[in-house]
């Protein structure tokens, strides 16, 4: 079994100060995809290059203290790619891909941080541009190789993916256009929402993010924003999934899926 975790850190220094390295050592994932690193290369060197014997590979944002993604891996990849070819969003440090190729077998693990549009209409428009750009990239990629994209997608796809869906229909993260994009990706786009494959009807237990306002975490008023999106062949190997809600490294919870790569 291959154990793959995704977690939005809301700052790598903050998450590590709250016990993330010990948690990784305890649960022993083979790979952990992280988002919102909020650090630069100089900040990571000699401090966070490795966590619990996993080596990190990163895509940092040009802007200090902003965005950034990484993947910590037990196995050395055959290739590391940063960015997906869009200058606007590559500058924001939103995509890193590790390739593990052996003979005819071509597999990738991707850590991706989708923009949030909640701060302003300008950022919502940037989010729409990102969705327009990442979709054809993923479509091309799945014709070349199998992959799992882990990340904070910043979209709750269905009504069961957030507590207060009625009051959030005009808010970023649950807009009709965003949900339609996700439906297309999981429909004609051919990718699989691995959590929903394993737990199609889960509601409250599916949430991975809680606002810092109004005791949202204590009341479990949450959203499911963190995903494993996989090509069908790899999704077919998903056996178990766990969301670690009691861990408070950030405002997101780690989500781990165990895969049978031979399936």
Protein backbone atom coordinates (compact mmCIF):
# COMPACT_ATOMS: atom_id res chain seq x y z
CA UNK A 1 0.00 0.00 0.00
CA UNK A 2 1.13 3.52 -0.85
CA UNK A 3 0.09 6.08 1.77
CA UNK A 4 -0.46 9.59 0.35
CA UNK A 5 -1.38 12.62 2.47
CA UNK A 6 -2.47 16.14 1.54
CA UNK A 7 -2.43 19.12 3.91
CA UNK A 8 -2.73 22.89 3.58
CA UNK A 9 -0.14 24.06 6.11
CA UNK A 10 -1.14 27.72 6.40
CA UNK A 11 2.59 28.31 6.87
CA UNK A 12 5.25 25.62 7.17
CA UNK A 13 6.94 27.26 10.15
CA UNK A 14 3.65 27.46 12.03
CA UNK A 15 2.62 23.88 11.21
CA UNK A 16 5.99 22.47 12.25
CA UNK A 17 5.88 24.37 15.52
CA UNK A 18 2.55 22.63 16.22
CA UNK A 19 3.96 19.11 15.87
CA UNK A 20 3.73 18.25 12.17
CA UNK A 21 7.10 16.42 11.97
CA UNK A 22 6.16 14.13 14.86
CA UNK A 23 2.78 13.41 13.25
CA UNK A 24 4.45 12.48 9.97
CA UNK A 25 6.86 10.18 11.80
CA UNK A 26 3.95 8.53 13.63
CA UNK A 27 1.71 7.98 10.59
CA UNK A 28 4.55 7.31 8.13
CA UNK A 29 3.08 8.42 4.79
CA UNK A 30 5.12 7.57 1.72
CA UNK A 31 4.38 11.05 0.35
CA UNK A 32 2.81 14.17 1.81
CA UNK A 33 1.66 16.99 -0.47
CA UNK A 34 1.61 20.38 1.23
CA UNK A 35 0.11 23.69 0.19
CA UNK A 36 0.37 27.29 1.38
CA UNK A 37 3.96 26.84 2.51
CA UNK A 38 4.34 30.63 2.93
CA UNK A 39 8.13 30.46 2.74
CA UNK A 40 11.05 30.93 0.37
CA UNK A 41 13.95 28.66 -0.48
CA UNK A 42 16.20 30.31 2.11
CA UNK A 43 13.60 29.69 4.82
CA UNK A 44 13.41 25.99 4.01
CA UNK A 45 17.12 25.22 3.63
CA UNK A 46 18.59 23.42 6.64
CA UNK A 47 15.24 23.58 8.46
CA UNK A 48 12.46 21.98 6.44
CA UNK A 49 14.27 20.26 3.57
CA UNK A 50 13.38 16.98 5.24
CA UNK A 51 10.55 16.03 7.58
CA UNK A 52 10.60 12.64 9.29
CA UNK A 53 13.07 11.23 6.73
CA UNK A 54 10.99 12.43 3.76
CA UNK A 55 12.75 14.78 1.34
CA UNK A 56 10.93 17.91 0.23
CA UNK A 57 10.54 19.30 -3.29
CA UNK A 58 9.01 22.76 -3.61
CA UNK A 59 7.55 25.43 -5.86
CA UNK A 60 7.82 28.76 -4.07
CA UNK A 61 5.92 31.94 -4.87
CA UNK A 62 7.82 35.01 -6.05
CA UNK A 63 6.03 37.00 -3.34
CA UNK A 64 7.40 36.44 0.14
CA UNK A 65 5.12 34.82 2.71
CA UNK A 66 2.59 33.80 0.07
CA UNK A 67 1.24 30.56 -1.36
CA UNK A 68 3.87 27.92 -2.23
CA UNK A 69 3.51 24.14 -2.52
CA UNK A 70 5.67 21.12 -1.83
CA UNK A 71 5.83 17.35 -1.80
CA UNK A 72 7.76 15.32 0.77
CA UNK A 73 8.63 11.90 -0.61
CA UNK A 74 10.26 8.75 0.75
CA UNK A 75 11.21 7.68 -2.78
CA UNK A 76 13.38 9.77 -5.04
CA UNK A 77 11.43 10.93 -8.12
CA UNK A 78 12.71 10.44 -11.63
CA UNK A 79 11.79 14.05 -12.45
CA UNK A 80 10.56 17.19 -10.66
CA UNK A 81 8.43 19.80 -12.44
CA UNK A 82 7.51 23.18 -10.98
CA UNK A 83 4.68 25.17 -12.49
CA UNK A 84 2.34 24.11 -15.29
CA UNK A 85 3.24 26.66 -17.92
CA UNK A 86 1.06 29.63 -16.99
CA UNK A 87 3.22 32.65 -16.10
CA UNK A 88 0.60 34.33 -13.89
CA UNK A 89 0.09 31.36 -11.62
CA UNK A 90 3.55 29.86 -11.85
CA UNK A 91 4.77 33.08 -10.24
CA UNK A 92 2.42 32.33 -7.34
CA UNK A 93 3.95 28.92 -6.61
CA UNK A 94 0.88 26.74 -7.05
CA UNK A 95 2.04 23.51 -8.74
CA UNK A 96 4.76 20.93 -8.18
CA UNK A 97 4.78 17.50 -9.81
CA UNK A 98 6.96 14.52 -8.93
CA UNK A 99 7.29 11.87 -11.61
CA UNK A 100 8.02 8.25 -10.76
CA UNK A 101 8.72 6.54 -14.07
CA UNK A 102 9.96 3.00 -14.47
CA UNK A 103 9.88 1.43 -17.91
CA UNK A 104 6.39 1.65 -19.32
CA UNK A 105 4.92 2.72 -15.96
CA UNK A 106 4.52 6.51 -15.78
CA UNK A 107 3.02 7.97 -12.61
CA UNK A 108 2.94 11.44 -11.10
CA UNK A 109 2.00 12.93 -7.76
CA UNK A 110 1.00 16.59 -7.87
CA UNK A 111 0.60 19.11 -5.08
CA UNK A 112 -1.58 22.00 -6.20
CA UNK A 113 -3.00 25.05 -4.43
CA UNK A 114 -5.97 26.58 -6.22
CA UNK A 115 -6.52 30.32 -5.66
CA UNK A 116 -9.12 31.56 -3.23
CA UNK A 117 -11.54 34.19 -4.47
CA UNK A 118 -12.95 35.16 -1.09
CA UNK A 119 -10.88 38.29 -0.51
CA UNK A 120 -12.05 40.32 -3.51
CA UNK A 121 -13.72 40.22 -6.91
CA UNK A 122 -10.26 40.68 -8.44
CA UNK A 123 -9.06 37.47 -6.82
CA UNK A 124 -12.25 35.66 -7.85
CA UNK A 125 -11.53 36.56 -11.46
CA UNK A 126 -7.98 35.28 -11.00
CA UNK A 127 -9.45 32.05 -9.67
CA UNK A 128 -11.59 31.69 -12.80
CA UNK A 129 -8.50 32.27 -14.95
CA UNK A 130 -6.68 29.57 -13.01
CA UNK A 131 -9.51 27.10 -13.55
CA UNK A 132 -9.48 27.90 -17.26
CA UNK A 133 -5.73 27.30 -17.41
CA UNK A 134 -5.35 24.18 -15.25
CA UNK A 135 -8.16 22.23 -16.92
CA UNK A 136 -6.50 21.73 -20.34
CA UNK A 137 -3.18 21.03 -18.64
CA UNK A 138 -4.71 18.15 -16.66
CA UNK A 139 -6.47 16.89 -19.77
CA UNK A 140 -3.18 16.74 -21.66
CA UNK A 141 -1.39 15.15 -18.73
CA UNK A 142 -3.84 12.28 -18.37
CA UNK A 143 -3.21 11.26 -21.98
CA UNK A 144 0.49 10.88 -21.14
CA UNK A 145 0.55 9.36 -17.64
CA UNK A 146 -1.39 8.30 -14.55
CA UNK A 147 -1.48 10.85 -11.73
CA UNK A 148 -2.98 11.87 -8.42
CA UNK A 149 -3.43 15.58 -7.81
CA UNK A 150 -3.60 16.39 -4.10
CA UNK A 151 -4.45 19.83 -2.95
CA UNK A 152 -6.56 22.60 -1.55
CA UNK A 153 -8.94 23.12 -4.46
CA UNK A 154 -10.92 25.86 -2.68
CA UNK A 155 -14.19 24.48 -4.10
CA UNK A 156 -16.91 22.56 -2.27
CA UNK A 157 -18.41 20.54 -5.10
CA UNK A 158 -21.78 19.39 -3.77
CA UNK A 159 -24.28 20.44 -1.12
CA UNK A 160 -23.02 17.64 1.13
CA UNK A 161 -19.53 19.16 1.00
CA UNK A 162 -20.26 22.04 3.35
CA UNK A 163 -22.45 22.63 6.37
CA UNK A 164 -24.29 25.81 5.35
CA UNK A 165 -24.75 25.36 1.62
CA UNK A 166 -27.92 27.45 1.36
CA UNK A 167 -26.28 30.61 2.69
CA UNK A 168 -23.08 30.14 0.66
CA UNK A 169 -24.46 29.86 -2.86
CA UNK A 170 -23.18 33.35 -3.74
CA UNK A 171 -19.85 32.98 -1.95
CA UNK A 172 -16.50 32.01 -3.42
CA UNK A 173 -15.88 28.30 -3.05
CA UNK A 174 -19.49 27.35 -3.74
CA UNK A 175 -20.37 29.48 -6.74
CA UNK A 176 -22.35 27.78 -9.53
CA UNK A 177 -19.50 28.37 -11.99
CA UNK A 178 -16.94 26.75 -9.67
CA UNK A 179 -19.15 23.75 -8.99
CA UNK A 180 -19.85 23.34 -12.71
CA UNK A 181 -16.12 23.37 -13.39
CA UNK A 182 -15.64 20.58 -10.85
CA UNK A 183 -18.52 18.60 -12.33
CA UNK A 184 -16.93 18.88 -15.75
CA UNK A 185 -13.53 17.76 -14.43
CA UNK A 186 -15.13 14.71 -12.80
CA UNK A 187 -17.40 14.04 -15.76
CA UNK A 188 -16.12 14.54 -19.28
CA UNK A 189 -12.74 15.49 -17.82
CA UNK A 190 -12.30 11.91 -16.70
CA UNK A 191 -10.81 12.42 -13.23
CA UNK A 192 -12.04 10.78 -10.03
CA UNK A 193 -12.77 12.39 -6.67
CA UNK A 194 -11.19 9.62 -4.60
CA UNK A 195 -12.84 10.52 -1.30
CA UNK A 196 -16.29 10.48 -2.88
CA UNK A 197 -15.51 7.19 -4.59
CA UNK A 198 -14.97 5.66 -1.15
CA UNK A 199 -17.59 7.64 0.79
CA UNK A 200 -20.24 8.90 -1.65
CA UNK A 201 -22.74 10.05 0.99
CA UNK A 202 -20.54 11.34 3.84
CA UNK A 203 -21.44 14.78 5.17
CA UNK A 204 -20.12 16.18 8.46
CA UNK A 205 -17.21 13.74 8.62
CA UNK A 206 -16.01 14.83 5.16
CA UNK A 207 -15.04 18.42 6.06
CA UNK A 208 -11.37 19.40 5.85
CA UNK A 209 -11.47 23.17 6.52
CA UNK A 210 -13.09 25.38 9.14
CA UNK A 211 -13.22 29.15 9.38
CA UNK A 212 -11.46 30.73 12.34
CA UNK A 213 -14.65 32.69 13.04
CA UNK A 214 -17.69 31.85 15.12
CA UNK A 215 -16.45 28.62 16.69
CA UNK A 216 -16.75 26.92 13.30
CA UNK A 217 -14.30 24.16 14.24
CA UNK A 218 -15.91 23.46 17.62
CA UNK A 219 -19.34 23.26 15.96
CA UNK A 220 -17.99 21.40 12.90
CA UNK A 221 -19.31 24.05 10.53
CA UNK A 222 -16.89 23.07 7.82
CA UNK A 223 -16.18 22.71 4.11
CA UNK A 224 -14.59 19.91 2.09
CA UNK A 225 -11.92 21.80 0.17
CA UNK A 226 -9.03 19.30 0.11
CA UNK A 227 -9.04 16.58 -2.53
CA UNK A 228 -7.29 13.62 -4.09
CA UNK A 229 -8.15 13.85 -7.81
CA UNK A 230 -6.88 10.83 -9.70
CA UNK A 231 -6.89 9.21 -13.09
CA UNK A 232 -9.28 6.24 -13.10
CA UNK A 233 -6.59 3.55 -13.04
CA UNK A 234 -4.97 4.95 -9.90
CA UNK A 235 -8.30 5.81 -8.29
CA UNK A 236 -9.29 2.16 -8.68
CA UNK A 237 -6.48 1.29 -6.28
CA UNK A 238 -7.76 3.51 -3.45
CA UNK A 239 -8.53 1.34 -0.44
CA UNK A 240 -8.80 3.52 2.67
CA UNK A 241 -9.17 7.20 3.46
CA UNK A 242 -8.81 9.11 6.72
CA UNK A 243 -9.36 12.77 7.62
CA UNK A 244 -7.49 13.70 10.79
CA UNK A 245 -9.79 16.31 12.26
CA UNK A 246 -8.28 16.35 15.73
CA UNK A 247 -4.93 17.49 14.36
CA UNK A 248 -4.63 21.27 14.40
CA UNK A 249 -1.53 22.10 12.41
CA UNK A 250 -3.54 24.70 10.47
CA UNK A 251 -7.16 25.54 9.65
CA UNK A 252 -7.18 22.46 7.38
CA UNK A 253 -7.11 18.78 8.32
CA UNK A 254 -4.74 16.23 6.76
CA UNK A 255 -6.43 13.78 4.39
CA UNK A 256 -4.68 10.46 3.74
CA UNK A 257 -5.55 7.82 1.16
CA UNK A 258 -3.96 4.39 0.95
CA UNK A 259 -3.52 3.15 -2.62
CA UNK A 260 -2.77 -0.25 -4.04
CA UNK A 261 -0.57 0.79 -6.93
CA UNK A 262 -0.89 -2.68 -8.44
CA UNK A 263 -4.66 -2.37 -8.90
